[in-house]
Protein backbone atom coordinates (compact mmCIF):
# COMPACT_ATOMS: atom_id res chain seq x y z
CA MET A 1 -34.86 84.83 44.53
CA THR A 2 -31.86 82.55 44.97
CA GLY A 3 -30.84 82.68 41.27
CA ILE A 4 -31.28 86.54 41.78
CA GLY A 5 -28.88 86.88 44.58
CA ALA A 6 -26.14 84.55 42.96
CA ALA A 7 -26.25 86.74 39.73
CA ALA A 8 -25.81 89.58 41.63
CA VAL A 9 -22.59 88.23 43.54
CA ALA A 10 -21.29 86.50 40.53
CA PRO A 11 -17.90 88.23 39.33
CA PRO A 12 -17.98 90.36 36.25
CA LEU A 13 -16.62 88.38 32.66
CA PRO A 14 -14.07 91.07 32.28
CA VAL A 15 -12.76 90.60 36.10
CA LEU A 16 -12.19 87.30 35.50
CA ARG A 17 -10.64 87.59 32.14
CA ARG A 18 -8.26 90.46 33.75
CA ALA A 19 -7.48 88.09 36.46
CA GLY A 20 -6.90 85.28 34.11
CA SER A 21 -4.77 87.37 32.14
CA ALA A 22 -2.76 88.43 34.90
CA ALA A 23 -2.08 85.29 36.06
CA ALA A 24 -0.80 84.24 32.36
CA GLN A 25 1.48 86.93 32.52
CA LEU A 26 2.88 86.18 35.79
CA LEU A 27 3.58 82.53 34.65
CA ARG A 28 5.14 83.82 31.55
CA PHE A 29 7.53 86.04 33.63
CA ALA A 30 8.74 83.31 36.04
CA TRP A 31 9.30 81.09 33.11
CA LEU A 32 11.65 83.88 31.73
CA GLN A 33 13.43 84.11 35.07
CA VAL A 34 14.04 80.49 34.80
CA GLN A 35 15.54 80.93 31.67
CA CYS A 36 17.93 83.66 32.70
CA CYS A 37 18.99 81.91 35.50
CA LEU A 38 20.12 78.53 33.74
CA PHE A 39 23.60 79.02 34.15
CA ALA A 40 23.33 80.01 38.02
CA ALA A 41 20.98 77.24 38.47
CA ALA A 42 23.37 75.01 36.39
CA VAL A 43 26.42 76.37 39.06
CA PHE A 44 23.97 75.24 42.06
CA ALA A 45 23.38 71.96 40.63
CA GLY A 46 26.94 71.28 40.27
CA LEU A 47 27.53 72.36 43.98
CA ALA A 48 24.85 69.99 45.25
CA VAL A 49 25.88 66.72 43.26
CA SER A 50 29.50 67.32 44.28
CA THR A 51 28.33 67.01 47.94
CA ALA A 52 26.91 63.36 47.37
CA VAL A 53 28.68 61.86 44.75
CA PRO A 54 32.53 60.59 44.82
CA LEU A 55 34.74 62.38 42.80
CA PRO A 56 38.23 61.83 41.37
CA LEU A 57 39.95 65.19 42.17
CA PRO A 58 39.66 67.36 45.06
CA ARG A 59 35.58 69.08 44.92
CA TYR A 60 36.64 72.67 44.50
CA ASP A 61 39.23 71.44 41.35
CA ALA A 62 35.98 69.53 40.20
CA LEU A 63 33.92 72.71 40.28
CA LEU A 64 36.51 74.65 38.48
CA VAL A 65 36.73 72.07 35.61
CA TYR A 66 32.72 71.77 35.58
CA GLY A 67 32.56 75.61 35.32
CA LEU A 68 34.87 75.66 32.33
CA VAL A 69 32.84 72.81 30.73
CA LEU A 70 29.69 74.75 31.46
CA THR A 71 30.66 77.96 29.93
CA ALA A 72 31.91 75.96 26.89
CA VAL A 73 28.74 74.03 26.50
CA PHE A 74 26.42 77.79 26.66
CA TYR A 75 28.64 79.38 24.04
CA LEU A 76 28.30 76.05 21.87
CA LEU A 77 24.80 75.96 22.20
CA ARG A 78 24.72 79.66 21.39
CA LEU A 79 23.05 80.62 24.93
CA GLU A 80 25.92 82.79 25.26
CA THR A 81 27.23 84.94 22.64
CA GLY A 82 31.15 85.40 22.56
CA ARG A 83 30.92 88.73 23.97
CA GLU A 84 28.68 87.63 26.57
CA VAL A 85 31.35 85.06 27.46
CA ALA A 86 33.85 87.93 27.58
CA VAL A 87 31.88 89.86 29.88
CA ILE A 88 31.19 86.73 32.05
CA PHE A 89 34.84 86.14 32.41
CA GLY A 90 35.56 89.79 33.10
CA PHE A 91 33.05 89.05 36.02
CA HIS A 92 35.11 86.07 36.83
CA LEU A 93 38.30 88.29 37.32
CA VAL A 94 36.46 90.96 39.10
CA GLY A 95 35.17 88.40 41.41
CA LEU A 96 38.54 86.77 41.92
CA ALA A 97 40.23 89.96 43.10
CA LEU A 98 37.41 90.27 45.44
CA GLU A 99 37.80 87.18 46.91
CA LEU A 100 41.50 86.78 47.39
CA PHE A 101 41.06 90.07 49.57
CA LYS A 102 37.95 88.86 51.59
CA VAL A 103 39.41 85.75 52.54
CA GLN A 104 42.88 87.22 53.42
CA MET A 105 40.69 89.56 55.91
CA GLY A 106 39.00 86.75 57.49
CA SER A 107 35.68 87.75 55.97
CA TRP A 108 34.89 84.20 54.75
CA SER A 109 36.80 80.80 54.01
CA TYR A 110 36.89 77.82 52.05
CA PRO A 111 37.88 75.22 54.14
CA GLU A 112 38.39 72.17 51.49
CA GLU A 113 41.81 71.33 50.14
CA ALA A 114 42.32 71.78 46.37
CA TRP A 115 44.91 72.06 43.90
CA THR A 116 43.58 75.40 42.44
CA LYS A 117 43.99 77.24 45.32
CA VAL A 118 45.59 80.62 45.47
CA ALA A 119 46.03 82.24 49.07
CA GLY A 120 43.18 80.32 50.09
CA VAL A 121 40.80 80.94 47.28
CA PRO A 122 40.22 78.14 44.96
CA LEU A 123 39.52 79.36 41.21
CA TYR A 124 36.20 77.91 40.95
CA SER A 125 34.81 80.62 43.01
CA GLY A 126 34.82 83.26 40.13
CA PHE A 127 32.11 81.61 38.79
CA MET A 128 29.77 82.81 41.50
CA TYR A 129 30.11 86.08 40.37
CA ALA A 130 30.02 84.69 36.42
CA ALA A 131 26.45 83.64 37.21
CA VAL A 132 25.42 86.76 37.99
CA GLY A 133 27.04 88.43 34.99
CA SER A 134 25.09 85.89 32.98
CA TYR A 135 21.85 86.31 34.83
CA ILE A 136 21.90 89.96 33.26
CA CYS A 137 23.17 89.09 30.17
CA GLN A 138 20.06 86.60 29.56
CA ALA A 139 17.55 89.39 31.14
CA PHE A 140 19.14 91.83 28.42
CA ARG A 141 18.35 89.35 25.46
CA ARG A 142 15.17 87.29 27.11
CA PHE A 143 13.08 90.55 28.45
CA ASP A 144 14.44 92.70 25.71
CA LEU A 145 15.52 95.31 28.34
CA ARG A 146 16.08 98.88 27.67
CA ILE A 147 16.98 101.86 30.07
CA ASN A 148 15.60 105.38 29.80
CA SER A 149 16.93 108.43 31.51
CA PHE A 150 20.43 106.38 32.64
CA PRO A 151 22.96 109.11 34.03
CA TRP A 152 26.37 106.95 32.82
CA VAL A 153 28.99 109.09 34.51
CA PRO A 154 27.47 109.24 38.23
CA ALA A 155 25.96 105.68 37.92
CA ALA A 156 29.52 104.32 36.55
CA ALA A 157 31.09 106.38 39.22
CA LEU A 158 28.78 104.83 42.11
CA ALA A 159 29.29 101.52 40.60
CA VAL A 160 33.13 101.91 41.27
CA ALA A 161 32.51 103.64 44.67
CA ALA A 162 30.50 100.56 45.58
CA TYR A 163 33.18 97.94 44.67
CA ALA A 164 35.86 99.93 46.23
CA ASN A 165 33.77 99.91 49.56
CA PHE A 166 34.02 96.42 49.66
CA TYR A 167 37.83 96.73 50.27
CA THR A 168 38.21 100.32 51.91
CA HIS A 169 35.48 99.49 54.78
CA HIS A 170 38.08 97.53 56.60
CA TYR A 171 40.28 100.70 56.77
CA LEU A 172 37.84 103.56 56.64
CA PRO A 173 34.39 104.11 57.46
CA ASP A 174 31.91 101.84 55.81
CA MET A 175 30.25 103.73 53.03
CA ARG A 176 27.90 101.58 51.59
CA TRP A 177 24.66 103.48 52.77
CA VAL A 178 25.95 106.79 51.45
CA VAL A 179 26.89 104.93 48.13
CA ALA A 180 23.12 103.17 48.30
CA ALA A 181 21.38 106.60 48.77
CA GLY A 182 23.44 108.06 46.07
CA PHE A 183 22.18 105.49 43.66
CA VAL A 184 18.64 106.24 44.70
CA VAL A 185 19.15 110.10 43.72
CA VAL A 186 20.89 109.66 40.58
CA LEU A 187 18.68 106.66 38.95
CA TRP A 188 15.55 108.33 40.45
CA ARG A 189 13.90 108.83 36.86
CA SER A 190 15.51 105.72 35.58
CA ARG A 191 13.44 103.06 34.35
CA VAL A 192 13.98 99.59 32.85
CA LEU A 193 11.60 98.68 30.41
CA PHE A 194 11.00 94.72 29.68
CA THR A 195 8.68 93.00 27.59
CA VAL A 196 6.51 89.56 29.16
CA GLY A 197 4.50 88.20 26.32
CA ARG A 198 2.92 90.90 24.14
CA CYS A 199 3.13 93.61 26.94
CA ARG A 200 5.63 95.68 27.57
CA TYR A 201 6.28 96.97 31.33
CA ALA A 202 8.47 99.44 33.35
CA MET A 203 9.98 99.88 36.69
CA PRO A 204 12.56 101.81 38.80
CA LEU A 205 16.04 100.55 38.01
CA SER A 206 17.13 101.22 41.86
CA LEU A 207 14.44 98.90 42.58
CA SER A 208 15.51 96.22 40.50
CA PHE A 209 18.97 96.13 42.01
CA VAL A 210 17.17 95.64 45.30
CA LEU A 211 15.20 92.75 44.24
CA ILE A 212 17.92 90.89 42.36
CA GLY A 213 20.17 91.60 45.59
CA PHE A 214 17.34 89.84 47.86
CA PHE A 215 17.34 86.81 45.64
CA LEU A 216 21.22 86.73 45.62
CA TRP A 217 21.45 86.85 49.45
CA VAL A 218 18.70 83.93 49.20
CA ALA A 219 21.19 81.94 46.67
CA GLU A 220 24.09 82.86 49.03
CA ASN A 221 22.04 80.70 52.13
CA ALA A 222 21.81 78.01 49.72
CA ALA A 223 25.18 77.98 48.70
CA THR A 224 26.73 78.30 51.99
CA LEU A 225 24.51 75.45 53.08
CA LEU A 226 26.38 73.34 50.21
CA GLY A 227 29.70 74.07 51.50
CA ALA A 228 30.52 76.49 48.65
CA TRP A 229 32.35 78.94 51.22
CA GLN A 230 31.65 79.59 54.88
CA TYR A 231 31.36 82.52 57.13
CA PRO A 232 33.25 82.57 60.41
CA ASP A 233 29.86 82.00 62.38
CA GLN A 234 29.32 79.04 60.23
CA SER A 235 32.34 77.20 60.99
CA GLN A 236 30.86 74.82 63.58
CA ILE A 237 27.31 74.77 62.32
CA TRP A 238 25.50 76.24 59.26
CA GLN A 239 23.20 79.32 59.94
CA MET A 240 21.72 82.09 57.67
CA VAL A 241 23.80 84.52 56.37
CA HIS A 242 23.11 87.98 57.99
CA VAL A 243 20.65 90.04 56.35
CA GLY A 244 23.07 92.90 55.87
CA LYS A 245 24.46 90.88 53.21
CA TRP A 246 21.47 91.72 50.89
CA GLY A 247 22.58 95.76 50.88
CA SER A 248 25.85 93.98 49.96
CA TRP A 249 24.81 92.14 46.80
CA ALA A 250 22.40 94.72 45.77
CA LEU A 251 25.53 97.19 45.60
CA LEU A 252 27.33 94.34 43.88
CA VAL A 253 24.53 94.08 41.18
CA SER A 254 24.96 97.81 40.48
CA LEU A 255 28.46 97.19 39.28
CA SER A 256 27.67 94.17 37.48
CA PHE A 257 24.52 95.81 35.56
CA VAL A 258 26.87 98.86 34.71
CA LEU A 259 29.28 96.38 32.93
CA VAL A 260 26.72 94.67 31.12
CA ALA A 261 25.20 97.83 30.10
CA ALA A 262 28.39 99.19 28.68
CA VAL A 263 28.61 95.89 26.53
CA LYS A 264 25.00 96.30 25.24
CA SER A 265 25.51 99.69 24.49
CA GLN A 266 27.66 98.93 21.81
CA GLU A 267 25.20 96.35 20.77
CA GLY A 268 22.14 98.87 20.19
CA ARG A 269 20.17 97.14 22.88
CA PHE A 270 20.51 99.93 25.72
CA TYR A 271 20.01 103.48 25.32
CA GLY A 272 20.53 106.43 28.00
CA GLY A 273 18.17 109.18 26.34
CA ALA A 274 14.23 109.67 27.82
CA GLY A 275 11.49 108.23 26.35
CA ALA A 276 8.18 107.45 26.51
CA VAL A 277 7.01 104.45 29.03
CA PRO A 278 4.92 102.10 26.89
CA SER A 279 1.62 100.65 27.66
CA VAL A 280 1.28 98.18 30.43
CA GLU A 281 -1.79 97.11 29.37
CA PRO A 282 -2.36 93.39 29.55
CA PRO A 283 -3.33 91.31 26.53
CA ARG A 284 -6.81 91.02 25.70
């Protein structure tokens, strides 16, 4: 009787196989994500080490030198292509322009002294934005990303609007939620296709912006804890960054994605036409 009962409740072998396969795929996905985040992880390592190790020059200046060396190492090791380095440099410039404006408006500050500060903004700060560009470039390669049904013109217009709103909302009504709603509408049919192991998956493109934005918000909390910059309410004691910044990061990711996608379209790794979504069945 006991044996029969045990056999009756034992999970079927196919269920166990599917569960094991799903777990293996999750581990593969996590490992690919780690590789995509190498540049960002290296930047955070530099932030952490620079808080604990005596430096021969001001910390922000040392971080700038570190970021430049890091970029060169990634290029020499072929972790980034020359075209990708150029894109990442573009992110650096876009980020610095935003930093110069936001610091002048008092949105956040860099309290430490540095020789390489311009209008209160240390030049190393652009590497925070460069890390986002590096992640997206790496994801295109390591996950073999493809996008179908991508509306280039409205998506690019909304990306520009999202970036412009970071400036204009100081003088005009904040339109970030209008822009966000616009992205949901125009990207309703867009899917990002990616490969993990021998399987091909698909997910809504707008959802990927939201997810990446969330992890960037988490990273921002870690960065401010390490003194990379600080918000006014963190000047006396550190506290978590307001959750509203999650939406801001999601919008910034949209601009980042459009910039990288424009480059990938020239490399034949991005397409805008409709296409069938490949199977998402796990390997057997």
